[in-house]
Amino acid sequence: MLWNWYTIDACFISRSWHITSKGMFAGSCIGVILLVISLEALRRGAREFDRYIVRQAQLRNQADCRLNPDSSSDNNNGATAVSSNCVASTMTFRPDVWQQLIRAAFHCAQFTVAYFIMLLAMYYNGYIIISIIIGAFLGSFVCSWEAIGLA
């Protein structure tokens, strides 16, 4: 493969993706941009799902600690102390089978989309590579716009 700037008569991935017009090539470039944006959206979705299941585990843990406090009392104000199990269980969390299945599905989808993007880049078509870069920029701009912790 050599670096190229072909538009008409280019072929990508399969025989059915054969470019026969400038409009078809422009549509392909837009499609590639959307494909890369979808990869960034999948990455964001996986992060959001991980945050969701961690929040759910923290809420379950807090509820368990309120329902099962330790019987010992604090000497200063007589308040009930929180059991050491509650403190230790907040440090780690292991997803259940269904949660892990969803996490694995996110990973598989990301892997598949990223693989197709890599295959497109391997055609060394300058317009397609520029489309990948534009898609990465737009996808990151839209999907990575999150709060950043200062602590």
Protein backbone atom coordinates (compact mmCIF):
# COMPACT_ATOMS: atom_id res chain seq x y z
CA MET A 1 0.00 0.00 0.00
CA LEU A 2 1.20 3.47 -0.85
CA TRP A 3 0.04 6.84 0.37
CA ASN A 4 -2.66 8.08 -2.00
CA TRP A 5 -5.28 10.75 -2.56
CA TYR A 6 -7.62 8.70 -4.75
CA THR A 7 -11.29 9.62 -4.69
CA ILE A 8 -12.98 7.92 -7.64
CA ASP A 9 -12.46 4.17 -8.11
CA ALA A 10 -11.13 3.66 -4.57
CA CYS A 11 -12.26 0.53 -2.76
CA PHE A 12 -12.43 0.08 1.01
CA ILE A 13 -12.94 -3.02 3.20
CA SER A 14 -15.08 -4.96 0.67
CA ARG A 15 -16.05 -5.00 -3.02
CA SER A 16 -19.38 -3.39 -2.22
CA TRP A 17 -17.62 -0.29 -0.85
CA HIS A 18 -16.34 0.74 -4.28
CA ILE A 19 -16.34 4.52 -4.80
CA THR A 20 -17.90 5.46 -8.13
CA SER A 21 -18.60 9.19 -7.63
CA LYS A 22 -17.40 12.21 -5.69
CA GLY A 23 -20.65 12.24 -3.73
CA MET A 24 -20.12 8.64 -2.71
CA PHE A 25 -16.59 9.46 -1.58
CA ALA A 26 -17.81 12.48 0.42
CA GLY A 27 -20.43 10.24 2.05
CA SER A 28 -17.72 7.73 2.86
CA CYS A 29 -15.60 10.40 4.53
CA ILE A 30 -18.61 11.57 6.57
CA GLY A 31 -19.34 7.94 7.46
CA VAL A 32 -15.76 7.45 8.65
CA ILE A 33 -16.01 10.59 10.81
CA LEU A 34 -19.24 9.23 12.35
CA LEU A 35 -17.62 5.81 12.88
CA VAL A 36 -14.77 7.36 14.88
CA ILE A 37 -17.23 9.52 16.86
CA SER A 38 -19.17 6.34 17.66
CA LEU A 39 -15.98 4.77 19.02
CA GLU A 40 -15.54 7.71 21.39
CA ALA A 41 -19.22 7.44 22.36
CA LEU A 42 -18.75 3.74 23.16
CA ARG A 43 -15.75 4.58 25.32
CA ARG A 44 -17.78 7.21 27.17
CA GLY A 45 -20.69 4.78 27.55
CA ALA A 46 -18.38 2.18 29.10
CA ARG A 47 -17.00 4.75 31.56
CA GLU A 48 -20.51 5.91 32.48
CA PHE A 49 -21.66 2.32 32.99
CA ASP A 50 -18.68 1.64 35.27
CA ARG A 51 -19.53 4.76 37.28
CA TYR A 52 -23.17 3.65 37.47
CA ILE A 53 -22.40 0.18 38.84
CA VAL A 54 -19.92 1.62 41.34
CA ARG A 55 -22.57 4.12 42.55
CA GLN A 56 -25.08 1.27 42.87
CA ALA A 57 -22.58 -0.77 44.91
CA GLN A 58 -21.83 2.22 47.16
CA LEU A 59 -25.54 2.79 47.78
CA ARG A 60 -26.05 -0.90 48.59
CA ASN A 61 -23.09 -0.81 50.94
CA GLN A 62 -24.38 2.30 52.72
CA ALA A 63 -27.80 0.70 53.14
CA ASP A 64 -26.22 -2.48 54.53
CA CYS A 65 -24.14 -0.46 56.99
CA ARG A 66 -27.23 1.43 58.23
CA LEU A 67 -29.18 -1.81 58.68
CA ASN A 68 -26.36 -3.72 60.41
CA PRO A 69 -24.40 -1.34 62.65
CA ASP A 70 -21.80 -2.68 65.06
CA SER A 71 -23.08 -3.05 68.63
CA SER A 72 -20.14 -1.19 70.18
CA SER A 73 -20.63 2.43 71.25
CA ASP A 74 -18.42 5.43 70.78
CA ASN A 75 -17.22 6.83 74.13
CA ASN A 76 -17.50 10.52 73.16
CA ASN A 77 -21.16 10.88 72.23
CA GLY A 78 -22.75 7.45 72.58
CA ALA A 79 -23.36 7.14 68.81
CA THR A 80 -23.24 3.72 67.26
CA ALA A 81 -19.96 2.96 65.49
CA VAL A 82 -19.91 1.69 61.91
CA SER A 83 -18.68 -1.86 61.59
CA SER A 84 -15.21 -2.43 60.18
CA ASN A 85 -16.79 -4.59 57.42
CA CYS A 86 -18.57 -1.53 56.04
CA VAL A 87 -15.37 0.45 55.77
CA ALA A 88 -13.40 -2.40 54.20
CA SER A 89 -16.10 -3.30 51.69
CA THR A 90 -16.11 0.19 50.18
CA MET A 91 -12.52 -0.20 48.99
CA THR A 92 -13.17 -2.85 46.33
CA PHE A 93 -16.08 -3.87 44.15
CA ARG A 94 -16.50 -6.81 41.83
CA PRO A 95 -19.29 -6.60 39.23
CA ASP A 96 -21.84 -9.40 39.13
CA VAL A 97 -22.14 -11.66 36.09
CA TRP A 98 -24.69 -9.49 34.24
CA GLN A 99 -22.76 -6.29 34.88
CA GLN A 100 -19.57 -7.93 33.64
CA LEU A 101 -21.44 -9.22 30.57
CA ILE A 102 -22.45 -5.64 29.72
CA ARG A 103 -18.89 -4.41 30.35
CA ALA A 104 -17.57 -7.15 28.04
CA ALA A 105 -20.13 -6.18 25.36
CA PHE A 106 -18.93 -2.57 25.54
CA HIS A 107 -15.33 -3.78 25.17
CA CYS A 108 -16.22 -6.04 22.22
CA ALA A 109 -18.06 -3.21 20.44
CA GLN A 110 -15.11 -0.84 21.01
CA PHE A 111 -12.66 -3.45 19.76
CA THR A 112 -14.71 -4.11 16.62
CA VAL A 113 -15.16 -0.43 15.72
CA ALA A 114 -11.49 0.33 16.43
CA TYR A 115 -10.44 -2.60 14.25
CA PHE A 116 -12.47 -1.30 11.30
CA ILE A 117 -10.99 2.16 11.79
CA MET A 118 -7.52 0.63 11.73
CA LEU A 119 -8.35 -1.26 8.53
CA LEU A 120 -9.53 1.98 6.92
CA ALA A 121 -6.33 3.75 7.97
CA MET A 122 -4.29 0.95 6.38
CA TYR A 123 -5.52 1.99 2.93
CA TYR A 124 -3.24 5.04 3.35
CA ASN A 125 -5.81 7.28 1.68
CA GLY A 126 -5.10 10.83 2.82
CA TYR A 127 -8.77 11.86 2.85
CA ILE A 128 -9.79 8.85 4.93
CA ILE A 129 -6.96 9.46 7.41
CA ILE A 130 -7.95 13.13 7.68
CA SER A 131 -11.55 11.96 8.27
CA ILE A 132 -10.34 9.66 11.05
CA ILE A 133 -8.46 12.55 12.67
CA ILE A 134 -11.49 14.87 12.39
CA GLY A 135 -13.70 12.14 13.88
CA ALA A 136 -11.27 11.63 16.76
CA PHE A 137 -11.24 15.36 17.46
CA LEU A 138 -15.02 15.76 17.32
CA GLY A 139 -15.62 12.55 19.26
CA SER A 140 -13.22 13.59 21.99
CA PHE A 141 -14.67 17.09 22.11
CA VAL A 142 -18.24 15.82 22.49
CA CYS A 143 -17.77 12.58 24.46
CA SER A 144 -14.85 13.45 26.75
CA TRP A 145 -16.29 16.69 28.07
CA GLU A 146 -16.45 15.63 31.72
CA ALA A 147 -15.67 17.09 35.08
CA ILE A 148 -12.04 16.72 36.06
CA GLY A 149 -11.28 16.09 39.73
CA LEU A 150 -8.94 18.48 41.49
CA ALA A 151 -8.18 16.36 44.53
